[in-house]
Amino acid sequence: MVINMTASAGKRVLILVENLPSPFDRRVWQEATTLQAHGYGVSIICPTGKGYEQHYEEIDGIHIYRYDLPIEAEGAKGYAVEYSAALFHTFRLAWKVRREQGFDVVHACNPPDLLFLVGGFFKLFFGTKFLFDHHDINPELYEAKFGRRDFFWTLMVWLERMTFKTSDVSIATNESYKKIAIERGDMDPEKVFVVRSGPKLDRLKIIPPVPALKKGRTYLVGYVGVMGKQEGIDLLLQAASHIVYGLGREDIHFGLVGGGTSLEDMKALAVKLDITDYVTFTGRVPDQALLEMLNTADVCANPDIANEMNDKSTMNKIMEYMALGKAIVQFDLTEGRFSAEEASLYAAKNDPIDMAEKIVELLDNPELRIKMGEHGRRRVENELEWRYEAPKLLRAYEVLFEQL
């Protein structure tokens, strides 16, 4: 048996993540590099993805083990296939990591809420600790995707409960998630830590705009994020249609950055709405292209649908917009308002017409845009940047290791 001894026994961490490859998943990578910089040995198991096809590589001293997924899931059956395959490969690779690197803690990032099976197994038979990193509230996510509370929704509730029951410590992305951990998961409040997904300003750099991205128009509205059903891209496209045909504004272009299961559907919707000349879909792009789009944008949009899932969730894109000093328009959601405060205008929930009018209001008021952007940038610099969250992550680990 070959065990990596670069980290002392008791300080070796295995991070499990299923929905994005590392280091593309920014929150996971920030956590991993923070732990590694403070003396922890860190390994990650995750899926492969575009640009991250290698099944093993070491980056910045972090060991990354990747597996191939059979499909990018759509529908309940598709998710069942994807998650079953992910669970199999995660178990398989966990044994490999145990042989090659060793680990004392399993740090599981959902979705899905199945990874407690891996953490629980090694906890039961080898005495490792289990930390749950609560990224998504899966019962609400399932309802948002499929619009129903059926057997699978009930299963999600049970899996969430079992995940918290298995956890020695959990970390939440905001106070809403912490409340769920305590009330729904019956976690000890002393073992639940809020660690927000704060941006790193050394990555989210303010750079000169690229005028060509405006496609000859005066203004650019930017979006970055997943192209999925609950992200509300259809509402943003309806807002764009109203801007062009309802308000007669042909001086505004939309730059939408990101990939996902709904990307092709959203391209088709743009054709149906006859706004393809006013919208650029980039798909998933490298950081430099993302930064060019957002730095060129005059206003950034967050069209996340108003539902229970999104109301309680903190969206990374909001803080990325703020880090770049951009004024925002979004629907009025609890955690979105907490993050952005005065850096955003808030449209009526799920109302694309109101979103359109607030976008135009901001574009026509450069002084207000500057004021809002400055507020957002200050809030990131003084309160929300990752350097303020890293000590909270480390404190969660201190409490965890006090139990070893």
Protein backbone atom coordinates (compact mmCIF):
# COMPACT_ATOMS: atom_id res chain seq x y z
CA MET A 1 0.00 0.00 0.00
CA VAL A 2 1.34 3.44 -0.97
CA ILE A 3 0.19 6.32 1.22
CA ASN A 4 0.99 9.97 0.49
CA MET A 5 2.64 11.40 3.63
CA THR A 6 2.83 15.06 2.56
CA ALA A 7 0.04 15.87 5.03
CA SER A 8 0.04 14.61 8.58
CA ALA A 9 -2.32 11.80 9.52
CA GLY A 10 -5.70 13.27 10.41
CA LYS A 11 -5.31 16.13 7.91
CA ARG A 12 -6.05 14.37 4.64
CA VAL A 13 -9.28 15.33 2.88
CA LEU A 14 -11.22 13.68 0.05
CA ILE A 15 -13.66 16.05 -1.65
CA LEU A 16 -16.54 14.51 -3.63
CA VAL A 17 -18.35 16.57 -6.28
CA GLU A 18 -20.64 15.32 -9.03
CA ASN A 19 -22.13 18.21 -10.99
CA LEU A 20 -18.96 19.92 -12.32
CA PRO A 21 -15.34 18.98 -12.96
CA SER A 22 -12.51 20.43 -10.89
CA PRO A 23 -10.99 22.95 -11.07
CA PHE A 24 -13.89 24.39 -13.12
CA ASP A 25 -16.20 24.35 -10.07
CA ARG A 26 -15.03 27.58 -8.47
CA ARG A 27 -16.40 27.05 -4.95
CA VAL A 28 -14.92 23.55 -4.69
CA TRP A 29 -11.57 24.71 -6.04
CA GLN A 30 -11.41 27.65 -3.64
CA GLU A 31 -12.13 25.31 -0.75
CA ALA A 32 -9.55 22.77 -1.95
CA THR A 33 -6.77 25.32 -2.43
CA THR A 34 -7.54 26.96 0.92
CA LEU A 35 -7.28 23.64 2.72
CA GLN A 36 -4.12 22.70 0.84
CA ALA A 37 -2.51 26.05 1.69
CA HIS A 38 -3.18 25.41 5.39
CA GLY A 39 -1.49 22.04 5.58
CA TYR A 40 -4.22 19.63 4.53
CA GLY A 41 -3.63 16.95 1.93
CA VAL A 42 -6.45 17.26 -0.59
CA SER A 43 -7.81 14.85 -3.19
CA ILE A 44 -10.92 15.41 -5.34
CA ILE A 45 -13.20 12.94 -7.12
CA CYS A 46 -15.34 14.53 -9.84
CA PRO A 47 -16.65 13.94 -13.37
CA THR A 48 -14.76 14.78 -16.53
CA GLY A 49 -15.89 17.72 -18.64
CA LYS A 50 -14.93 19.85 -21.62
CA GLY A 51 -11.30 20.82 -21.13
CA TYR A 52 -10.97 18.46 -18.17
CA GLU A 53 -10.83 15.05 -19.82
CA GLN A 54 -7.85 13.56 -17.96
CA HIS A 55 -8.81 10.86 -15.49
CA TYR A 56 -6.02 11.89 -13.13
CA GLU A 57 -3.93 14.99 -12.75
CA GLU A 58 -2.23 16.92 -9.98
CA ILE A 59 -2.77 20.69 -9.96
CA ASP A 60 -1.18 22.92 -7.31
CA GLY A 61 -0.53 19.88 -5.13
CA ILE A 62 -4.17 18.71 -5.29
CA HIS A 63 -4.86 15.22 -6.62
CA ILE A 64 -7.84 15.13 -9.00
CA TYR A 65 -9.47 11.83 -9.95
CA ARG A 66 -12.12 12.07 -12.67
CA TYR A 67 -14.66 9.68 -14.16
CA ASP A 68 -16.80 9.71 -17.30
CA LEU A 69 -20.57 10.08 -17.01
CA PRO A 70 -22.79 8.26 -19.54
CA ILE A 71 -25.18 11.19 -20.11
CA GLU A 72 -25.96 14.77 -19.18
CA ALA A 73 -29.25 14.10 -17.45
CA GLU A 74 -32.69 15.39 -18.35
CA GLY A 75 -35.82 14.01 -16.69
CA ALA A 76 -36.14 11.93 -13.55
CA LYS A 77 -34.99 8.71 -15.25
CA GLY A 78 -31.99 10.47 -16.76
CA TYR A 79 -30.92 11.75 -13.35
CA ALA A 80 -31.34 8.26 -11.89
CA VAL A 81 -28.93 6.89 -14.51
CA GLU A 82 -26.45 9.74 -14.07
CA TYR A 83 -26.44 9.62 -10.28
CA SER A 84 -26.19 5.83 -10.17
CA ALA A 85 -23.15 5.91 -12.45
CA ALA A 86 -21.61 8.75 -10.45
CA LEU A 87 -22.09 6.87 -7.18
CA PHE A 88 -20.48 3.72 -8.61
CA HIS A 89 -17.45 5.61 -9.93
CA THR A 90 -17.11 7.66 -6.75
CA PHE A 91 -16.98 4.48 -4.64
CA ARG A 92 -14.50 2.94 -7.06
CA LEU A 93 -12.20 5.94 -7.05
CA ALA A 94 -12.49 6.45 -3.29
CA TRP A 95 -10.79 3.09 -2.80
CA LYS A 96 -8.05 4.18 -5.19
CA VAL A 97 -7.56 7.47 -3.34
CA ARG A 98 -7.42 5.59 -0.05
CA ARG A 99 -4.61 3.42 -1.39
CA GLU A 100 -2.64 6.18 -3.08
CA GLN A 101 -3.19 9.28 -0.92
CA GLY A 102 -5.15 8.26 2.17
CA PHE A 103 -7.93 10.37 3.67
CA ASP A 104 -9.30 11.09 7.13
CA VAL A 105 -12.30 13.16 6.06
CA VAL A 106 -14.84 12.79 3.28
CA HIS A 107 -16.08 16.25 2.24
CA ALA A 108 -19.19 15.71 0.09
CA CYS A 109 -20.65 18.47 -2.09
CA ASN A 110 -24.21 17.94 -3.28
CA PRO A 111 -26.09 17.44 -5.57
CA PRO A 112 -26.92 14.60 -5.38
CA ASP A 113 -27.72 13.79 -1.74
CA LEU A 114 -26.40 10.26 -2.33
CA LEU A 115 -22.79 10.93 -1.42
CA PHE A 116 -23.48 10.28 2.26
CA LEU A 117 -23.42 6.59 1.24
CA VAL A 118 -19.72 6.95 0.43
CA GLY A 119 -18.95 9.11 3.45
CA GLY A 120 -21.04 6.91 5.72
CA PHE A 121 -19.34 3.72 4.52
CA PHE A 122 -15.83 4.97 5.27
CA LYS A 123 -17.02 6.51 8.53
CA LEU A 124 -18.56 3.23 9.69
CA PHE A 125 -15.74 0.88 8.68
CA PHE A 126 -12.62 3.08 8.85
CA GLY A 127 -13.48 5.85 11.33
CA THR A 128 -13.19 8.75 8.88
CA LYS A 129 -15.17 11.93 9.48
CA PHE A 130 -17.92 13.18 7.18
CA LEU A 131 -18.46 16.84 6.27
CA PHE A 132 -21.48 17.82 4.17
CA ASP A 133 -21.05 20.85 1.91
CA HIS A 134 -24.64 21.90 1.19
CA HIS A 135 -24.68 23.48 -2.29
CA ASP A 136 -28.32 22.85 -3.34
CA ILE A 137 -31.55 22.12 -1.50
CA ASN A 138 -32.51 19.07 -3.50
CA PRO A 139 -36.20 18.65 -2.60
CA GLU A 140 -36.78 22.23 -3.76
CA LEU A 141 -34.52 21.69 -6.78
CA TYR A 142 -36.51 18.63 -7.84
CA GLU A 143 -39.80 20.53 -7.48
CA ALA A 144 -38.36 23.46 -9.46
CA LYS A 145 -37.27 21.16 -12.30
CA PHE A 146 -40.32 18.90 -12.49
CA GLY A 147 -43.13 20.88 -10.85
CA ARG A 148 -44.41 18.13 -8.60
CA ARG A 149 -44.11 16.45 -5.21
CA ASP A 150 -44.21 12.75 -5.95
CA PHE A 151 -42.34 9.63 -4.83
CA PHE A 152 -39.01 11.04 -6.00
CA TRP A 153 -39.57 14.29 -4.09
CA THR A 154 -40.27 12.24 -0.95
CA LEU A 155 -37.09 10.30 -1.64
CA MET A 156 -35.15 13.57 -1.91
CA VAL A 157 -36.43 14.64 1.51
CA TRP A 158 -35.32 11.32 3.02
CA LEU A 159 -31.89 11.43 1.36
CA GLU A 160 -31.35 14.96 2.64
CA ARG A 161 -32.28 13.89 6.17
CA MET A 162 -29.92 10.91 6.01
CA THR A 163 -27.10 13.14 4.72
CA PHE A 164 -27.42 15.46 7.70
CA LYS A 165 -27.76 12.51 10.07
CA THR A 166 -24.46 11.07 8.77
CA SER A 167 -22.64 14.43 8.95
CA ASP A 168 -20.22 15.29 11.74
CA VAL A 169 -20.17 18.91 10.51
CA SER A 170 -22.02 20.68 7.71
CA ILE A 171 -21.33 23.92 5.90
CA ALA A 172 -24.05 26.04 4.31
CA THR A 173 -23.78 28.65 1.58
CA ASN A 174 -26.09 31.10 3.40
CA GLU A 175 -28.31 31.56 6.46
CA SER A 176 -31.33 30.04 4.70
CA TYR A 177 -29.41 26.81 4.17
CA LYS A 178 -28.14 26.88 7.76
CA LYS A 179 -31.73 27.08 8.97
CA ILE A 180 -32.60 24.03 6.86
CA ALA A 181 -29.65 22.10 8.32
CA ILE A 182 -30.83 22.86 11.85
CA GLU A 183 -34.59 22.58 11.44
CA ARG A 184 -35.00 19.99 8.70
CA GLY A 185 -31.73 18.12 9.23
CA ASP A 186 -31.76 18.27 13.04
CA MET A 187 -28.11 19.37 13.06
CA ASP A 188 -26.50 20.83 16.18
CA PRO A 189 -26.23 24.61 15.45
CA GLU A 190 -22.66 24.53 16.79
CA LYS A 191 -21.73 22.16 13.97
CA VAL A 192 -23.25 24.16 11.10
CA PHE A 193 -21.08 26.85 9.51
CA VAL A 194 -22.04 29.41 6.88
CA VAL A 195 -19.33 29.58 4.21
CA ARG A 196 -20.52 31.75 1.35
CA SER A 197 -19.24 31.30 -2.20
CA GLY A 198 -17.34 34.57 -2.16
CA PRO A 199 -15.50 35.50 -5.37
CA LYS A 200 -11.72 35.87 -5.58
CA LEU A 201 -10.74 39.25 -6.97
CA ASP A 202 -7.46 37.93 -8.30
CA ARG A 203 -9.55 35.90 -10.79
CA LEU A 204 -12.44 38.29 -11.40
CA LYS A 205 -10.34 41.13 -12.75
CA ILE A 206 -11.61 44.39 -14.16
CA ILE A 207 -10.22 44.60 -17.71
CA PRO A 208 -10.89 46.90 -20.68
CA PRO A 209 -14.17 46.26 -22.53
CA VAL A 210 -14.24 44.58 -25.93
CA PRO A 211 -16.52 46.78 -28.08
CA ALA A 212 -16.90 44.09 -30.76
CA LEU A 213 -19.01 42.06 -28.31
CA LYS A 214 -21.74 44.70 -28.62
CA LYS A 215 -22.17 43.74 -32.28
CA GLY A 216 -22.34 47.37 -33.37
CA ARG A 217 -24.93 48.38 -30.76
CA THR A 218 -24.66 50.96 -28.01
CA TYR A 219 -25.31 48.75 -24.99
CA LEU A 220 -24.64 45.19 -23.85
CA VAL A 221 -26.59 43.22 -21.26
CA GLY A 222 -24.51 40.38 -19.82
CA TYR A 223 -25.42 37.03 -18.27
CA VAL A 224 -23.20 34.23 -17.00
CA GLY A 225 -24.44 30.95 -15.59
CA VAL A 226 -26.04 27.62 -16.29
CA MET A 227 -28.55 27.25 -19.10
CA GLY A 228 -31.14 25.19 -17.24
CA LYS A 229 -34.87 25.27 -16.67
CA GLN A 230 -34.82 27.00 -13.30
CA GLU A 231 -32.37 29.69 -14.45
CA GLY A 232 -35.10 31.64 -16.25
CA ILE A 233 -33.24 32.21 -19.52
CA ASP A 234 -36.60 32.02 -21.29
CA LEU A 235 -37.78 34.99 -19.21
CA LEU A 236 -34.65 36.95 -20.08
CA LEU A 237 -35.23 36.26 -23.79
CA GLN A 238 -38.84 37.40 -23.42
CA ALA A 239 -37.51 40.56 -21.77
CA ALA A 240 -35.15 41.04 -24.72
CA SER A 241 -38.05 40.61 -27.14
CA HIS A 242 -40.07 43.25 -25.29
CA ILE A 243 -37.10 45.61 -25.36
CA VAL A 244 -36.71 45.24 -29.13
CA TYR A 245 -40.34 45.03 -30.26
CA GLY A 246 -42.32 46.48 -27.36
CA LEU A 247 -40.05 49.40 -26.52
CA GLY A 248 -38.54 49.81 -29.98
CA ARG A 249 -34.96 49.66 -28.70
CA GLU A 250 -32.61 48.30 -31.34
CA ASP A 251 -29.48 49.64 -29.60
CA ILE A 252 -29.15 46.83 -27.01
CA HIS A 253 -27.38 43.48 -27.42
CA PHE A 254 -27.44 40.50 -25.05
CA GLY A 255 -24.38 38.34 -24.32
CA LEU A 256 -25.26 35.03 -22.63
CA VAL A 257 -22.34 32.97 -21.33
CA GLY A 258 -22.75 29.36 -20.19
CA GLY A 259 -23.77 25.87 -21.16
CA GLY A 260 -26.37 23.41 -19.93
CA THR A 261 -29.19 21.09 -20.85
CA SER A 262 -31.46 23.94 -22.02
CA LEU A 263 -28.96 25.76 -24.24
CA GLU A 264 -30.32 24.45 -27.53
CA ASP A 265 -33.90 25.05 -26.39
CA MET A 266 -33.02 28.65 -25.57
CA LYS A 267 -31.41 29.14 -28.98
CA ALA A 268 -34.61 27.82 -30.54
CA LEU A 269 -36.67 30.22 -28.42
CA ALA A 270 -34.56 33.14 -29.62
CA VAL A 271 -35.36 32.11 -33.19
CA LYS A 272 -39.07 31.88 -32.36
CA LEU A 273 -38.99 35.34 -30.78
CA ASP A 274 -37.06 36.69 -33.81
CA ILE A 275 -34.26 38.13 -31.65
CA THR A 276 -31.29 36.07 -32.85
CA ASP A 277 -29.61 39.23 -34.18
CA TYR A 278 -29.77 40.70 -30.67
CA VAL A 279 -28.47 37.72 -28.68
CA THR A 280 -25.10 35.97 -28.54
CA PHE A 281 -24.96 32.52 -26.94
CA THR A 282 -21.32 31.67 -26.24
CA GLY A 283 -21.75 28.28 -24.56
CA ARG A 284 -19.21 27.39 -21.89
CA VAL A 285 -16.06 29.46 -22.39
CA PRO A 286 -12.67 29.98 -20.66
CA ASP A 287 -12.33 32.60 -17.94
CA GLN A 288 -10.83 35.19 -20.28
CA ALA A 289 -13.83 35.14 -22.62
CA LEU A 290 -16.20 35.29 -19.63
CA LEU A 291 -14.35 38.30 -18.21
CA GLU A 292 -14.40 40.06 -21.58
CA MET A 293 -18.17 39.67 -21.84
CA LEU A 294 -18.93 40.80 -18.30
CA ASN A 295 -16.47 43.70 -18.37
CA THR A 296 -18.01 44.90 -21.63
CA ALA A 297 -21.58 44.63 -20.27
CA ASP A 298 -23.30 47.86 -19.24
CA VAL A 299 -25.82 45.95 -17.11
CA CYS A 300 -25.86 42.34 -15.92
CA ALA A 301 -29.00 40.25 -15.56
CA ASN A 302 -29.99 37.45 -13.21
CA PRO A 303 -33.30 36.00 -14.41
CA ASP A 304 -33.48 33.10 -11.91
CA ILE A 305 -37.11 32.04 -11.60
CA ALA A 306 -38.83 33.01 -8.36
CA ASN A 307 -39.45 29.71 -6.62
CA GLU A 308 -38.64 28.20 -3.24
CA MET A 309 -35.33 26.81 -4.48
CA ASN A 310 -33.97 30.04 -5.92
CA ASP A 311 -35.39 32.20 -3.12
CA LYS A 312 -33.23 30.36 -0.57
CA SER A 313 -30.11 29.98 -2.74
CA THR A 314 -27.13 32.27 -3.19
CA MET A 315 -26.18 32.56 -6.86
CA ASN A 316 -22.49 32.88 -7.70
CA LYS A 317 -23.21 35.04 -10.73
CA ILE A 318 -24.62 37.85 -8.59
CA MET A 319 -21.39 38.21 -6.64
CA GLU A 320 -19.35 37.87 -9.82
CA TYR A 321 -21.28 40.79 -11.32
CA MET A 322 -20.70 42.78 -8.14
CA ALA A 323 -16.99 41.96 -8.10
CA LEU A 324 -16.70 43.55 -11.55
CA GLY A 325 -18.63 46.65 -10.48
CA LYS A 326 -21.72 45.95 -12.58
CA ALA A 327 -25.26 47.13 -11.88
CA ILE A 328 -27.71 44.22 -11.82
CA VAL A 329 -31.35 43.54 -12.64
CA GLN A 330 -32.92 40.44 -11.07
CA PHE A 331 -36.22 39.18 -9.74
CA ASP A 332 -36.91 39.96 -6.10
CA LEU A 333 -35.61 36.92 -4.19
CA THR A 334 -34.55 36.72 -0.54
CA GLU A 335 -30.91 35.65 -0.90
CA GLY A 336 -30.44 37.61 -4.13
CA ARG A 337 -31.47 40.78 -2.33
CA PHE A 338 -29.22 39.94 0.64
CA SER A 339 -26.20 39.53 -1.64
CA ALA A 340 -26.69 42.52 -3.93
CA GLU A 341 -28.44 45.06 -1.69
CA GLU A 342 -28.29 48.42 -3.54
CA ALA A 343 -26.24 47.00 -6.41
CA SER A 344 -29.43 45.73 -8.05
CA LEU A 345 -32.86 46.74 -9.23
CA TYR A 346 -35.52 44.16 -8.41
CA ALA A 347 -38.16 43.25 -10.97
CA ALA A 348 -41.52 41.80 -10.02
CA LYS A 349 -41.22 38.04 -9.64
CA ASN A 350 -41.14 36.17 -12.96
CA ASP A 351 -42.29 39.26 -14.88
CA PRO A 352 -40.18 39.64 -18.05
CA ILE A 353 -41.86 42.95 -18.94
CA ASP A 354 -40.84 44.51 -15.64
CA MET A 355 -37.34 43.07 -16.04
CA ALA A 356 -37.14 44.61 -19.52
CA GLU A 357 -38.22 48.01 -18.27
CA LYS A 358 -35.73 47.96 -15.39
CA ILE A 359 -32.90 46.98 -17.74
CA VAL A 360 -33.75 49.94 -19.98
CA GLU A 361 -34.09 52.21 -16.93
CA LEU A 362 -30.53 51.38 -15.93
CA LEU A 363 -29.11 51.65 -19.44
CA ASP A 364 -30.60 55.12 -19.75
CA ASN A 365 -29.18 56.24 -16.38
CA PRO A 366 -25.37 55.94 -16.40
CA GLU A 367 -25.00 57.80 -13.08
CA LEU A 368 -27.24 55.27 -11.32
CA ARG A 369 -25.35 52.38 -12.95
CA ILE A 370 -22.05 53.71 -11.67
CA LYS A 371 -23.42 54.24 -8.15
CA MET A 372 -24.88 50.72 -8.00
CA GLY A 373 -21.75 49.14 -9.44
CA GLU A 374 -19.57 50.90 -6.89
CA HIS A 375 -21.80 49.69 -4.05
CA GLY A 376 -21.52 46.09 -5.26
CA ARG A 377 -17.76 46.27 -5.67
CA ARG A 378 -17.31 47.73 -2.17
CA ARG A 379 -19.52 45.03 -0.69
CA VAL A 380 -17.38 42.31 -2.26
CA GLU A 381 -14.12 44.00 -1.26
CA ASN A 382 -15.20 44.63 2.33
CA GLU A 383 -17.53 41.73 3.15
CA LEU A 384 -18.06 38.98 0.58
CA GLU A 385 -14.70 38.18 -1.03
CA TRP A 386 -13.43 34.63 -0.46
CA ARG A 387 -10.75 35.85 1.97
CA TYR A 388 -13.55 36.58 4.44
CA GLU A 389 -15.06 33.11 3.97
CA ALA A 390 -11.87 31.03 4.08
CA PRO A 391 -11.46 31.40 7.89
CA LYS A 392 -15.01 30.09 8.33
CA LEU A 393 -14.15 27.00 6.29
CA LEU A 394 -11.02 26.47 8.36
CA ARG A 395 -13.01 26.88 11.59
CA ALA A 396 -15.45 24.19 10.43
CA TYR A 397 -12.48 21.88 9.92
CA GLU A 398 -11.07 22.75 13.34
CA VAL A 399 -14.34 21.68 14.94
CA LEU A 400 -14.37 18.54 12.81
CA PHE A 401 -10.82 17.57 13.76
CA GLU A 402 -11.46 18.25 17.42
CA GLN A 403 -13.59 15.12 17.19
CA LEU A 404 -10.79 12.93 15.80
